[in-house]
């Protein structure tokens, strides 16, 4: 019988606006596992690197990463293409995307159209006119790539939390 163990990785997301009140203002942070570099794995052995990406707005935000255990390494910066995200406009001119927008690539209106879209904030787009509609959007978002590694611990599962904060400049 083979012996197995795994590491569970958890993330904490922090959002700060200019007033520091945690609102969804002009500053945001989003973190997620890098499916490509992790090769789709969600279970990791001690000693393996777990890759994750951090999306920030503004893009040049200075970060502080504090793990509860293990070591965090800066890997590489990159770009993610979001091929298809549906967004709703309900009697509005603005809608939010899941990631900060670096480049809008394409918009397809699903029925009612509200004109062309323009990025007006971290992850906010604005239509040409107000109304009720759904748009399928393709866009690019930039990220900072990191990894975390943990030496063997005497536990079947061992959670690690990484606090990701904007650092004052």
Protein backbone atom coordinates (compact mmCIF):
# COMPACT_ATOMS: atom_id res chain seq x y z
CA UNK A 1 0.00 0.00 0.00
CA UNK A 2 1.35 3.42 -0.98
CA UNK A 3 1.64 6.13 1.64
CA UNK A 4 0.24 9.52 0.68
CA UNK A 5 0.15 12.99 2.13
CA UNK A 6 -0.88 16.40 0.89
CA UNK A 7 -0.62 20.10 1.62
CA UNK A 8 -3.70 22.33 1.63
CA UNK A 9 -3.02 25.92 0.62
CA UNK A 10 -5.38 28.72 1.52
CA UNK A 11 -5.24 32.39 0.53
CA UNK A 12 -6.38 35.57 2.20
CA UNK A 13 -7.45 38.39 -0.09
CA UNK A 14 -7.04 41.99 1.00
CA UNK A 15 -8.55 45.03 -0.69
CA UNK A 16 -7.61 48.58 0.18
CA UNK A 17 -8.84 51.80 -1.31
CA UNK A 18 -7.07 55.13 -0.95
CA UNK A 19 -8.90 55.78 2.32
CA UNK A 20 -7.82 52.39 3.67
CA UNK A 21 -11.40 51.41 4.46
CA UNK A 22 -11.31 48.13 2.54
CA UNK A 23 -13.82 49.28 -0.09
CA UNK A 24 -13.78 48.28 -3.69
CA UNK A 25 -12.20 51.59 -4.67
CA UNK A 26 -9.17 52.13 -6.84
CA UNK A 27 -6.99 49.46 -5.19
CA UNK A 28 -7.63 45.73 -5.33
CA UNK A 29 -5.81 42.42 -4.89
CA UNK A 30 -6.91 39.02 -6.22
CA UNK A 31 -4.96 35.77 -5.73
CA UNK A 32 -5.44 32.32 -7.26
CA UNK A 33 -3.57 29.11 -7.97
CA UNK A 34 -1.76 28.97 -11.32
CA UNK A 35 -3.48 26.01 -13.01
CA UNK A 36 -0.97 25.95 -15.87
CA UNK A 37 2.20 25.86 -13.76
CA UNK A 38 0.59 23.50 -11.23
CA UNK A 39 -0.47 21.29 -14.18
CA UNK A 40 -4.05 21.23 -12.89
CA UNK A 41 -3.03 19.69 -9.56
CA UNK A 42 -4.89 20.62 -6.39
CA UNK A 43 -3.07 18.24 -4.05
CA UNK A 44 0.58 18.96 -3.31
CA UNK A 45 3.27 16.95 -1.54
CA UNK A 46 5.66 18.41 1.01
CA UNK A 47 8.66 19.94 -0.76
CA UNK A 48 6.76 20.69 -3.98
CA UNK A 49 6.33 24.25 -5.21
CA UNK A 50 2.76 25.52 -5.35
CA UNK A 51 2.43 28.31 -7.90
CA UNK A 52 -0.02 31.17 -7.51
CA UNK A 53 -0.72 34.47 -9.22
CA UNK A 54 -1.60 37.84 -7.76
CA UNK A 55 -3.58 40.37 -9.78
CA UNK A 56 -3.41 43.94 -8.49
CA UNK A 57 -4.76 47.33 -9.33
CA UNK A 58 -2.85 49.46 -9.73
CA UNK A 59 -0.58 47.03 -11.54
CA UNK A 60 2.60 48.43 -9.93
CA UNK A 61 1.25 47.96 -6.38
CA UNK A 62 4.00 47.04 -3.90
CA UNK A 63 3.05 43.87 -1.99
CA UNK A 64 3.99 42.23 1.27
CA UNK A 65 3.48 38.43 1.45
CA UNK A 66 3.49 36.80 4.88
CA UNK A 67 3.08 32.98 5.02
CA UNK A 68 2.10 31.16 8.20
CA UNK A 69 4.82 28.63 7.31
CA UNK A 70 7.15 27.83 4.43
CA UNK A 71 8.91 30.18 2.04
CA UNK A 72 7.40 32.36 -0.69
CA UNK A 73 9.41 32.95 -3.87
CA UNK A 74 8.88 35.56 -6.60
CA UNK A 75 8.66 33.70 -9.91
CA UNK A 76 7.66 35.71 -12.97
CA UNK A 77 5.20 38.32 -14.12
CA UNK A 78 2.67 37.29 -16.73
CA UNK A 79 -0.54 37.92 -18.55
CA UNK A 80 -3.79 35.97 -18.39
CA UNK A 81 -6.37 36.06 -21.15
CA UNK A 82 -9.93 35.73 -19.91
CA UNK A 83 -11.59 34.29 -23.01
CA UNK A 84 -15.21 34.55 -21.98
CA UNK A 85 -16.75 36.37 -19.06
CA UNK A 86 -20.42 37.27 -18.95
CA UNK A 87 -21.24 40.60 -17.33
CA UNK A 88 -24.64 42.13 -16.63
CA UNK A 89 -25.84 45.69 -16.96
CA UNK A 90 -29.10 46.17 -15.03
CA UNK A 91 -30.40 49.67 -15.76
CA UNK A 92 -26.78 50.78 -15.60
CA UNK A 93 -23.91 51.92 -17.77
CA UNK A 94 -21.16 50.20 -15.74
CA UNK A 95 -20.35 46.58 -14.87
CA UNK A 96 -17.55 44.78 -13.03
CA UNK A 97 -15.17 42.12 -14.32
CA UNK A 98 -13.53 39.40 -12.22
CA UNK A 99 -9.95 40.58 -12.86
CA UNK A 100 -8.24 43.95 -13.30
CA UNK A 101 -8.36 44.94 -16.97
CA UNK A 102 -5.09 45.46 -18.83
CA UNK A 103 -6.61 45.27 -22.32
CA UNK A 104 -10.16 44.81 -23.60
CA UNK A 105 -10.03 42.50 -26.62
CA UNK A 106 -13.61 41.83 -27.69
CA UNK A 107 -17.22 42.35 -26.68
CA UNK A 108 -20.25 40.38 -27.87
CA UNK A 109 -23.68 41.57 -26.76
CA UNK A 110 -26.13 38.78 -25.94
CA UNK A 111 -29.29 40.43 -27.26
CA UNK A 112 -29.56 44.11 -26.30
CA UNK A 113 -26.42 46.10 -27.06
CA UNK A 114 -25.31 49.19 -25.16
CA UNK A 115 -22.52 50.34 -27.48
CA UNK A 116 -18.79 49.90 -27.11
CA UNK A 117 -17.13 49.15 -23.77
CA UNK A 118 -14.25 51.07 -22.21
CA UNK A 119 -12.24 50.21 -19.10
CA UNK A 120 -12.73 53.00 -16.54
CA UNK A 121 -11.22 51.45 -13.41
CA UNK A 122 -9.45 48.40 -12.04
CA UNK A 123 -12.11 45.97 -13.13
CA UNK A 124 -14.94 48.26 -14.18
CA UNK A 125 -16.12 48.75 -17.75
CA UNK A 126 -18.51 51.37 -19.05
CA UNK A 127 -20.93 50.96 -21.94
CA UNK A 128 -21.85 53.68 -24.41
CA UNK A 129 -25.34 53.95 -22.95
CA UNK A 130 -27.36 52.92 -19.90
CA UNK A 131 -29.66 49.91 -20.10
CA UNK A 132 -30.24 46.27 -19.31
CA UNK A 133 -28.04 43.85 -21.20
CA UNK A 134 -25.51 41.02 -20.99
CA UNK A 135 -22.11 41.15 -22.65
CA UNK A 136 -19.60 38.38 -23.30
CA UNK A 137 -16.19 40.00 -22.80
CA UNK A 138 -12.67 38.84 -23.71
CA UNK A 139 -9.82 40.71 -22.03
CA UNK A 140 -6.28 40.47 -20.64
CA UNK A 141 -5.13 40.91 -17.07
CA UNK A 142 -1.54 41.14 -15.82
CA UNK A 143 -0.28 39.27 -12.76
CA UNK A 144 2.72 38.75 -10.52
CA UNK A 145 3.66 35.07 -10.20
CA UNK A 146 4.83 33.49 -6.94
CA UNK A 147 5.40 30.06 -5.46
CA UNK A 148 5.43 28.65 -1.96
CA UNK A 149 7.28 25.59 -0.73
CA UNK A 150 7.04 23.75 2.55
CA UNK A 151 9.46 21.17 3.98
CA UNK A 152 8.05 17.97 5.47
CA UNK A 153 5.83 18.36 8.53
CA UNK A 154 4.52 15.50 10.65
CA UNK A 155 0.88 15.95 9.62
CA UNK A 156 -1.35 14.33 7.00
CA UNK A 157 -2.70 17.75 5.99
CA UNK A 158 -1.05 21.04 6.75
CA UNK A 159 -2.77 24.32 5.80
CA UNK A 160 -0.71 27.38 4.94
CA UNK A 161 -2.21 30.84 4.75
CA UNK A 162 -0.43 33.63 2.90
CA UNK A 163 -1.43 37.14 3.90
CA UNK A 164 -1.11 39.41 0.85
CA UNK A 165 -1.12 43.11 1.66
CA UNK A 166 -0.43 46.34 -0.11
CA UNK A 167 2.70 47.81 1.40
CA UNK A 168 2.85 51.53 2.03
CA UNK A 169 5.38 53.22 -0.21
